[in-house]
Amino acid sequence: MNGVLVVGGGVLGFCSALALQDRGLTVTLLDEGAAVKPASWGNAGHIAVEQVEPLASPASLRAVPGRLLARDDALSLPLRDIRHWLPFGLRLALASRPDRFRAGKAALKALVAEAMPAWEALVSGLGRPDLLIRDGHYVIWDTGDSAARGLARLERGDHGTARYRPLTAGEGADLARLLGRVPAGAVRFLGSGHIAGHDRLFDALRGRFLERGGVMLHGRAVGLPLAGGRARVVVESGAELAPDMVVMAAGVASRPLMEGLGHTVPMIAERGYHLHTHPGDWPADLPPLVFEDRALIVTRFRDYLRASSFVEFSHPDSPPDRMKWERLRGRIRSLDLPFALPGAEWVGCRPTLPDYLPAIGRSARAPNLLYAFGHQHLGLTLGPVTGRIVADMAVGQGRGPAPFDLSRFG
């Protein structure tokens, strides 16, 4: 087949496909199908331009014991999956050394700085500026002590292109009406945003891709064989596709495919859980609320309300922990939020590398193979800017940004 084959139907796959079309390339997208919702469909919808510090950091490493022992179980390491998370954890500890953290932060901050302009260009190109809502977000604390600690962390942190400020009287009143009480502490972040809705976004991405002549194939990639030094793609049906170029953007499913080619990809499924329901009485113009003490974010989209929480280092094929949804319902009830329960359940896998940096580059083993995966909590945020980088590599000869090359794990 001629042209470029993009493997993966998440936001990174579609953003890469559209950017490749912008460069005049013929693009086919291989997707597992509507029955498999990508991780970028199940997130909180937050364009997190404030998250410029990799979670692989000295501070995060020091906090792990406390989070594991905390009553709310925000971080979990299931014993059944120890063979997956223990090697990952050792690599994460090494990546959290101060020198590695500083280098990773510099690379991530430069990438995240381009995220919002790239999003604005994407929705403008789709003719759907309404898909991006730039209203920031709130961070809320339960007690005066936790608010003091939280504010101290914010003062020490780097927030990239975002900034925060105290609430205005009107904002405080809005939160008090929603929560039935005045928060013990809260700030408003400016510069961040969220999408209007996941189905709305994916429908627009898919529609523009097809309108431009893109081709959708449904199936699961199961192999990346080499033929004449070039990568091909084997689909579960047995078909073997031989495009001019391959872009691997399949999230956690990228690992076995890339490792089959000889790359080292120490990626884990960092699973997240959410509940979503109808918006009910939740104010339509209220930005996302981050309840920091509960490790909970609630986002009001145009058509639904979603509550997201938990970090679980696991394996994509492990069964979900159903108690996490019950704990999530318990957090919603304890906050007395106007969130209709029980809510629809979802669990998905964030593709996370131990240094909490993405993998973006060109394969050293197959020059026609590009890759873009491992964006952890920032897949939605970095989708459009990553797509641009992929397209630039496709029409050039470069390897991509050195800090994100897979050779760092070699």
Protein backbone atom coordinates (compact mmCIF):
# COMPACT_ATOMS: atom_id res chain seq x y z
CA MET A 1 0.00 0.00 0.00
CA ASN A 2 1.16 3.53 -0.69
CA GLY A 3 1.31 6.39 1.77
CA VAL A 4 1.40 6.37 5.58
CA LEU A 5 -0.28 3.87 7.89
CA VAL A 6 -1.09 5.26 11.35
CA VAL A 7 -1.62 2.50 13.93
CA GLY A 8 -3.96 3.69 16.69
CA GLY A 9 -7.30 5.51 16.77
CA GLY A 10 -6.79 7.66 19.86
CA VAL A 11 -6.22 11.40 19.89
CA LEU A 12 -2.52 10.93 19.07
CA GLY A 13 -3.35 8.74 16.08
CA PHE A 14 -5.93 11.13 14.67
CA CYS A 15 -3.84 14.25 15.31
CA SER A 16 -0.89 12.61 13.58
CA ALA A 17 -3.06 11.52 10.67
CA LEU A 18 -4.47 15.03 10.16
CA ALA A 19 -1.02 16.64 10.41
CA LEU A 20 0.30 14.16 7.83
CA GLN A 21 -2.58 15.08 5.53
CA ASP A 22 -1.65 18.75 6.03
CA ARG A 23 1.72 17.85 4.47
CA GLY A 24 -0.01 16.38 1.44
CA LEU A 25 0.51 12.71 2.36
CA THR A 26 -1.94 9.87 1.75
CA VAL A 27 -2.95 8.39 5.10
CA THR A 28 -4.65 5.21 6.28
CA LEU A 29 -5.58 4.77 9.94
CA LEU A 30 -5.77 1.34 11.57
CA ASP A 31 -8.13 1.31 14.55
CA GLU A 32 -9.38 -1.53 16.72
CA GLY A 33 -12.94 -0.33 16.27
CA ALA A 34 -15.72 1.47 18.11
CA ALA A 35 -16.00 -1.26 20.78
CA VAL A 36 -12.55 -0.36 22.16
CA LYS A 37 -12.51 3.16 23.64
CA PRO A 38 -8.98 4.64 23.68
CA ALA A 39 -7.46 6.08 26.85
CA SER A 40 -7.84 9.56 25.37
CA TRP A 41 -11.64 9.03 25.31
CA GLY A 42 -11.81 8.19 29.00
CA ASN A 43 -9.81 11.02 30.53
CA ALA A 44 -10.95 14.15 32.37
CA GLY A 45 -10.80 16.20 29.16
CA HIS A 46 -8.28 18.59 30.73
CA ILE A 47 -5.75 20.46 28.57
CA ALA A 48 -3.12 20.44 31.30
CA VAL A 49 -0.66 23.14 30.26
CA GLU A 50 0.29 23.59 33.92
CA GLN A 51 1.74 20.07 34.18
CA VAL A 52 5.31 20.74 33.06
CA GLU A 53 7.08 18.84 35.82
CA PRO A 54 7.43 15.08 35.14
CA LEU A 55 5.84 12.92 37.81
CA ALA A 56 9.14 11.04 37.94
CA SER A 57 10.61 13.46 40.48
CA PRO A 58 12.28 13.41 43.90
CA ALA A 59 9.10 14.85 45.46
CA SER A 60 6.83 12.21 43.89
CA LEU A 61 9.18 9.43 44.98
CA ARG A 62 9.14 10.68 48.59
CA ALA A 63 5.34 10.78 48.51
CA VAL A 64 4.85 7.16 47.37
CA PRO A 65 4.85 5.48 50.84
CA GLY A 66 2.30 7.96 52.15
CA ARG A 67 0.05 7.55 49.14
CA LEU A 68 0.16 3.76 49.38
CA LEU A 69 -0.83 3.90 53.05
CA ALA A 70 -3.40 6.66 52.66
CA ARG A 71 -6.99 5.91 53.52
CA ASP A 72 -8.27 6.98 50.11
CA ASP A 73 -6.12 4.46 48.18
CA ALA A 74 -5.36 7.00 45.43
CA LEU A 75 -2.28 5.00 44.35
CA SER A 76 -2.37 1.22 44.15
CA LEU A 77 0.14 -1.46 43.23
CA PRO A 78 -1.86 -4.70 42.86
CA LEU A 79 0.13 -7.69 44.10
CA ARG A 80 -1.12 -9.77 41.16
CA ASP A 81 0.74 -7.41 38.79
CA ILE A 82 4.01 -7.13 40.72
CA ARG A 83 6.00 -8.57 37.81
CA HIS A 84 4.86 -5.57 35.75
CA TRP A 85 5.11 -2.68 38.21
CA LEU A 86 8.23 -3.68 40.16
CA PRO A 87 10.67 -3.34 37.22
CA PHE A 88 8.85 -0.17 36.18
CA GLY A 89 9.15 1.20 39.71
CA LEU A 90 12.88 0.61 39.81
CA ARG A 91 13.31 2.50 36.55
CA LEU A 92 11.04 5.28 37.84
CA ALA A 93 13.25 5.63 40.92
CA LEU A 94 16.32 6.05 38.71
CA ALA A 95 14.49 8.56 36.50
CA SER A 96 13.54 10.56 39.61
CA ARG A 97 17.12 11.49 40.44
CA PRO A 98 17.55 15.29 40.51
CA ASP A 99 19.69 15.48 37.35
CA ARG A 100 17.30 13.30 35.34
CA PHE A 101 14.29 15.22 36.65
CA ARG A 102 15.79 18.60 35.69
CA ALA A 103 16.57 17.41 32.16
CA GLY A 104 13.13 15.83 31.78
CA LYS A 105 11.39 18.95 33.04
CA ALA A 106 13.24 21.16 30.55
CA ALA A 107 12.20 18.89 27.66
CA LEU A 108 8.60 18.48 28.80
CA LYS A 109 8.13 22.17 29.56
CA ALA A 110 9.23 23.14 26.05
CA LEU A 111 6.77 20.65 24.54
CA VAL A 112 3.84 21.62 26.79
CA ALA A 113 4.42 25.31 26.00
CA GLU A 114 3.27 24.57 22.43
CA ALA A 115 0.20 22.57 23.50
CA MET A 116 -2.45 25.30 23.66
CA PRO A 117 -1.42 27.03 20.40
CA ALA A 118 -1.50 23.62 18.72
CA TRP A 119 -4.97 22.95 20.12
CA GLU A 120 -6.24 26.31 18.92
CA ALA A 121 -4.88 25.61 15.44
CA LEU A 122 -6.45 22.13 15.45
CA VAL A 123 -9.99 23.22 16.35
CA SER A 124 -9.72 26.16 13.95
CA GLY A 125 -8.72 23.79 11.15
CA LEU A 126 -11.65 21.54 12.01
CA GLY A 127 -13.96 24.54 11.81
CA ARG A 128 -15.00 23.72 15.39
CA PRO A 129 -13.57 26.31 17.80
CA ASP A 130 -16.37 25.35 20.19
CA LEU A 131 -14.57 22.06 20.91
CA LEU A 132 -11.98 23.87 23.04
CA ILE A 133 -13.04 25.68 26.22
CA ARG A 134 -10.29 27.89 27.67
CA ASP A 135 -11.66 28.62 31.13
CA GLY A 136 -8.92 27.24 33.38
CA HIS A 137 -9.74 25.08 36.37
CA TYR A 138 -10.15 25.21 40.15
CA VAL A 139 -8.03 23.45 42.77
CA ILE A 140 -9.91 22.89 46.07
CA TRP A 141 -8.74 21.71 49.50
CA ASP A 142 -10.81 20.23 52.33
CA THR A 143 -9.09 21.80 55.33
CA GLY A 144 -7.10 24.86 56.24
CA ASP A 145 -3.99 22.74 56.88
CA SER A 146 -4.16 20.97 53.52
CA ALA A 147 -4.81 24.30 51.81
CA ALA A 148 -1.68 25.78 53.42
CA ARG A 149 0.40 22.80 52.31
CA GLY A 150 -1.12 22.88 48.84
CA LEU A 151 -0.46 26.57 48.38
CA ALA A 152 3.13 26.08 49.50
CA ARG A 153 3.57 23.38 46.85
CA LEU A 154 2.07 25.65 44.21
CA GLU A 155 4.42 28.47 45.18
CA ARG A 156 7.43 26.15 44.81
CA GLY A 157 6.22 24.60 41.55
CA ASP A 158 6.58 25.54 37.91
CA HIS A 159 3.28 25.88 36.05
CA GLY A 160 4.49 26.64 32.56
CA THR A 161 2.23 28.99 30.65
CA ALA A 162 -0.54 28.75 33.26
CA ARG A 163 -0.90 30.86 36.38
CA TYR A 164 -3.11 30.75 39.46
CA ARG A 165 -4.71 33.34 41.68
CA PRO A 166 -7.09 33.56 44.67
CA LEU A 167 -10.80 33.27 43.99
CA THR A 168 -12.89 36.33 43.34
CA ALA A 169 -15.96 36.87 45.51
CA GLY A 170 -18.17 35.67 42.66
CA GLU A 171 -16.14 32.51 42.12
CA GLY A 172 -16.24 31.71 45.82
CA ALA A 173 -20.01 32.16 45.82
CA ASP A 174 -20.36 29.87 42.78
CA LEU A 175 -18.42 27.11 44.52
CA ALA A 176 -20.31 27.60 47.78
CA ARG A 177 -23.64 27.17 45.95
CA LEU A 178 -22.41 23.96 44.29
CA LEU A 179 -20.75 22.45 47.36
CA GLY A 180 -23.19 23.72 49.97
CA ARG A 181 -20.30 25.23 51.92
CA VAL A 182 -17.42 27.64 51.53
CA PRO A 183 -14.26 25.68 50.57
CA ALA A 184 -11.50 25.69 53.20
CA GLY A 185 -9.15 26.72 50.43
CA ALA A 186 -9.24 27.10 46.64
CA VAL A 187 -7.44 28.79 43.75
CA ARG A 188 -8.33 29.43 40.12
CA PHE A 189 -5.87 28.41 37.42
CA LEU A 190 -5.88 30.41 34.19
CA GLY A 191 -4.42 29.34 30.87
CA SER A 192 -5.56 25.71 30.97
CA GLY A 193 -8.75 24.41 29.37
CA HIS A 194 -10.84 21.38 28.52
CA ILE A 195 -12.64 19.88 25.56
CA ALA A 196 -16.39 20.21 25.04
CA GLY A 197 -16.86 16.45 24.84
CA HIS A 198 -15.01 13.31 23.83
CA ASP A 199 -17.50 11.99 21.28
CA ARG A 200 -17.82 15.47 19.78
CA LEU A 201 -14.05 15.69 19.42
CA PHE A 202 -13.57 12.24 17.93
CA ASP A 203 -16.49 12.68 15.54
CA ALA A 204 -14.91 15.92 14.29
CA LEU A 205 -11.44 14.37 13.94
CA ARG A 206 -12.76 11.32 12.13
CA GLY A 207 -15.03 13.39 9.90
CA ARG A 208 -12.23 15.69 8.75
CA PHE A 209 -9.86 12.78 8.20
CA LEU A 210 -12.36 10.98 5.96
CA GLU A 211 -13.39 14.20 4.22
CA ARG A 212 -9.77 14.67 3.15
CA GLY A 213 -9.65 11.21 1.60
CA GLY A 214 -8.29 9.28 4.57
CA VAL A 215 -9.05 5.58 4.80
CA MET A 216 -10.11 3.80 8.01
CA LEU A 217 -9.23 0.15 8.55
CA HIS A 218 -10.59 -1.78 11.53
CA GLY A 219 -8.40 -4.39 13.14
CA ARG A 220 -5.67 -4.97 15.68
CA ALA A 221 -2.00 -4.84 14.78
CA VAL A 222 -0.18 -7.94 16.07
CA GLY A 223 3.26 -7.69 14.47
CA LEU A 224 5.87 -5.39 12.95
CA PRO A 225 7.97 -7.64 10.71
CA LEU A 226 10.89 -6.27 8.70
CA ALA A 227 11.17 -6.81 4.95
CA GLY A 228 14.15 -5.33 3.20
CA GLY A 229 14.92 -3.25 6.29
CA ARG A 230 11.46 -1.66 6.30
CA ALA A 231 8.63 -2.19 8.78
CA ARG A 232 5.37 -3.79 7.77
CA VAL A 233 2.24 -4.29 9.87
CA VAL A 234 0.52 -7.65 10.42
CA VAL A 235 -3.15 -7.44 11.38
CA GLU A 236 -4.94 -10.00 13.55
CA SER A 237 -6.88 -11.18 10.50
CA GLY A 238 -3.57 -12.32 8.98
CA ALA A 239 -3.28 -9.52 6.44
CA GLU A 240 0.17 -7.97 6.06
CA LEU A 241 0.27 -4.28 5.16
CA ALA A 242 3.31 -2.75 3.48
CA PRO A 243 2.93 1.05 3.55
CA ASP A 244 5.65 3.50 2.63
CA MET A 245 5.71 4.65 6.25
CA VAL A 246 4.27 3.46 9.57
CA VAL A 247 3.37 5.65 12.56
CA MET A 248 3.01 3.65 15.78
CA ALA A 249 0.53 5.51 18.02
CA ALA A 250 -1.30 2.63 19.69
CA GLY A 251 -0.82 3.55 23.34
CA VAL A 252 -0.07 0.59 25.62
CA ALA A 253 -0.48 -1.77 22.66
CA SER A 254 2.63 -0.19 21.12
CA ARG A 255 4.93 -1.91 23.60
CA PRO A 256 4.78 -5.53 22.38
CA LEU A 257 4.89 -4.39 18.76
CA MET A 258 7.97 -2.23 19.24
CA GLU A 259 9.69 -4.78 21.47
CA GLY A 260 9.10 -7.40 18.80
CA LEU A 261 11.28 -5.24 16.60
CA GLY A 262 14.03 -5.10 19.23
CA HIS A 263 13.31 -1.80 20.95
CA THR A 264 13.35 -1.45 24.74
CA VAL A 265 9.98 -0.05 25.83
CA PRO A 266 9.58 -0.17 29.65
CA MET A 267 6.01 1.08 29.50
CA ILE A 268 3.28 0.19 31.97
CA ALA A 269 -0.49 0.44 31.91
CA GLU A 270 -1.21 3.20 34.40
CA ARG A 271 -4.91 2.62 34.77
CA GLY A 272 -7.47 5.25 35.57
CA TYR A 273 -11.11 4.87 36.60
CA HIS A 274 -14.01 7.21 35.98
CA LEU A 275 -17.76 7.55 36.35
CA HIS A 276 -19.89 9.64 34.02
CA THR A 277 -23.50 10.68 34.18
CA HIS A 278 -25.92 13.29 32.86
CA PRO A 279 -25.02 16.88 33.83
CA GLY A 280 -28.12 17.44 35.94
CA ASP A 281 -27.90 20.67 37.96
CA TRP A 282 -24.15 21.07 37.54
CA PRO A 283 -23.53 24.61 36.18
CA ALA A 284 -22.74 24.50 32.47
CA ASP A 285 -20.12 27.26 32.70
CA LEU A 286 -18.20 25.91 35.70
CA PRO A 287 -14.58 24.94 34.92
CA PRO A 288 -13.19 21.54 36.01
CA LEU A 289 -12.83 21.09 39.77
CA VAL A 290 -9.75 19.36 41.19
CA PHE A 291 -10.35 18.14 44.74
CA GLU A 292 -6.70 17.71 45.64
CA ASP A 293 -7.22 15.99 48.99
CA ARG A 294 -9.43 13.38 47.32
CA ALA A 295 -7.31 12.88 44.16
CA LEU A 296 -10.53 13.62 42.25
CA ILE A 297 -11.30 15.77 39.21
CA VAL A 298 -14.86 16.50 38.07
CA THR A 299 -15.43 17.98 34.61
CA ARG A 300 -18.66 19.34 33.19
CA PHE A 301 -18.77 18.65 29.45
CA ARG A 302 -21.51 19.85 27.13
CA ASP A 303 -23.49 16.61 27.36
CA TYR A 304 -22.31 14.83 30.50
CA LEU A 305 -20.49 15.04 33.80
CA ARG A 306 -17.40 12.95 34.56
CA ALA A 307 -15.52 12.17 37.78
CA SER A 308 -12.02 10.70 37.41
CA SER A 309 -9.58 9.34 39.97
CA PHE A 310 -6.99 6.71 40.96
CA VAL A 311 -3.56 5.70 39.74
CA GLU A 312 -3.12 1.94 39.40
CA PHE A 313 0.05 0.40 37.98
CA SER A 314 -1.18 -2.73 36.29
CA HIS A 315 -1.37 -4.70 33.05
CA PRO A 316 -3.81 -4.00 30.19
CA ASP A 317 -5.33 -7.48 30.45
CA SER A 318 -5.82 -7.50 34.22
CA PRO A 319 -9.46 -7.33 35.32
CA PRO A 320 -10.60 -4.00 36.77
CA ASP A 321 -10.83 -3.49 40.50
CA ARG A 322 -14.56 -2.95 40.91
CA MET A 323 -14.08 -1.58 44.42
CA LYS A 324 -12.40 1.48 42.92
CA TRP A 325 -15.68 2.56 41.37
CA GLU A 326 -17.35 2.11 44.75
CA ARG A 327 -14.63 4.20 46.40
CA LEU A 328 -15.11 6.83 43.73
CA ARG A 329 -18.83 6.91 44.49
CA GLY A 330 -17.94 7.25 48.15
CA ARG A 331 -15.80 10.31 47.46
CA ILE A 332 -18.60 11.91 45.48
CA ARG A 333 -21.10 11.24 48.28
CA SER A 334 -18.74 12.50 50.99
CA LEU A 335 -18.39 15.79 49.12
CA ASP A 336 -22.18 15.92 48.65
CA LEU A 337 -21.73 16.75 44.97
CA PRO A 338 -24.76 17.04 42.67
CA PHE A 339 -23.50 14.06 40.65
CA ALA A 340 -26.18 11.49 39.78
CA LEU A 341 -25.09 8.03 40.89
CA PRO A 342 -24.40 5.20 40.25
CA GLY A 343 -22.99 6.59 36.97
CA ALA A 344 -21.55 4.68 34.02
CA GLU A 345 -18.21 2.96 34.69
CA TRP A 346 -15.02 3.07 32.62
CA VAL A 347 -11.43 1.94 33.13
CA GLY A 348 -8.58 2.61 30.75
CA CYS A 349 -4.82 2.41 30.44
CA ARG A 350 -2.57 5.44 30.34
CA PRO A 351 0.59 4.44 28.45
CA THR A 352 3.31 5.52 30.89
CA LEU A 353 7.10 5.33 30.62
CA PRO A 354 9.18 5.43 33.82
CA ASP A 355 10.56 8.94 33.28
CA TYR A 356 7.04 10.27 32.54
CA LEU A 357 8.17 11.60 29.18
CA PRO A 358 6.59 10.53 25.88
CA ALA A 359 8.26 8.42 23.21
CA ILE A 360 8.39 10.40 19.95
CA GLY A 361 10.88 9.57 17.23
CA ARG A 362 12.04 7.45 14.31
CA SER A 363 13.01 3.82 14.77
CA ALA A 364 16.71 3.07 14.53
CA ARG A 365 15.76 -0.41 13.29
CA ALA A 366 13.37 0.57 10.50
CA PRO A 367 13.75 4.05 8.95
CA ASN A 368 10.14 4.03 7.71
CA LEU A 369 8.79 3.55 11.26
CA LEU A 370 7.87 6.58 13.37
CA TYR A 371 6.39 6.36 16.86
CA ALA A 372 4.36 8.55 19.20
CA PHE A 373 3.12 6.96 22.43
CA GLY A 374 3.74 6.93 26.18
CA HIS A 375 2.19 10.34 26.90
CA GLN A 376 0.82 9.21 30.31
CA HIS A 377 -1.55 11.86 31.73
CA LEU A 378 -0.80 14.27 28.88
CA GLY A 379 -2.01 12.38 25.80
CA LEU A 380 -4.94 14.70 25.21
CA THR A 381 -2.90 17.79 26.06
CA LEU A 382 -0.02 16.92 23.73
CA GLY A 383 -1.96 15.26 20.88
CA PRO A 384 -1.94 18.17 18.39
CA VAL A 385 1.67 19.26 19.01
CA THR A 386 2.89 15.65 18.82
CA GLY A 387 1.04 15.25 15.52
CA ARG A 388 2.98 18.19 14.13
CA ILE A 389 6.29 16.63 15.19
CA VAL A 390 5.34 13.32 13.59
CA ALA A 391 4.43 15.05 10.33
CA ASP A 392 7.70 17.00 10.34
CA MET A 393 9.64 13.73 10.75
CA ALA A 394 7.62 12.10 7.97
CA VAL A 395 8.60 14.71 5.39
CA GLY A 396 12.17 15.07 6.68
CA GLN A 397 14.99 12.78 7.67
CA GLY A 398 15.37 13.63 11.36
CA ARG A 399 14.99 11.31 14.34
CA GLY A 400 12.76 13.72 16.28
CA PRO A 401 13.37 15.41 19.65
CA ALA A 402 16.34 13.69 21.32
CA PRO A 403 14.87 13.70 24.88
CA PHE A 404 11.90 11.63 23.69
CA ASP A 405 13.82 9.07 21.61
CA LEU A 406 13.43 5.44 22.73
CA SER A 407 17.21 5.05 22.72
CA ARG A 408 17.19 6.62 26.21
CA PHE A 409 16.07 3.20 27.50
CA GLY A 410 18.58 1.24 25.42
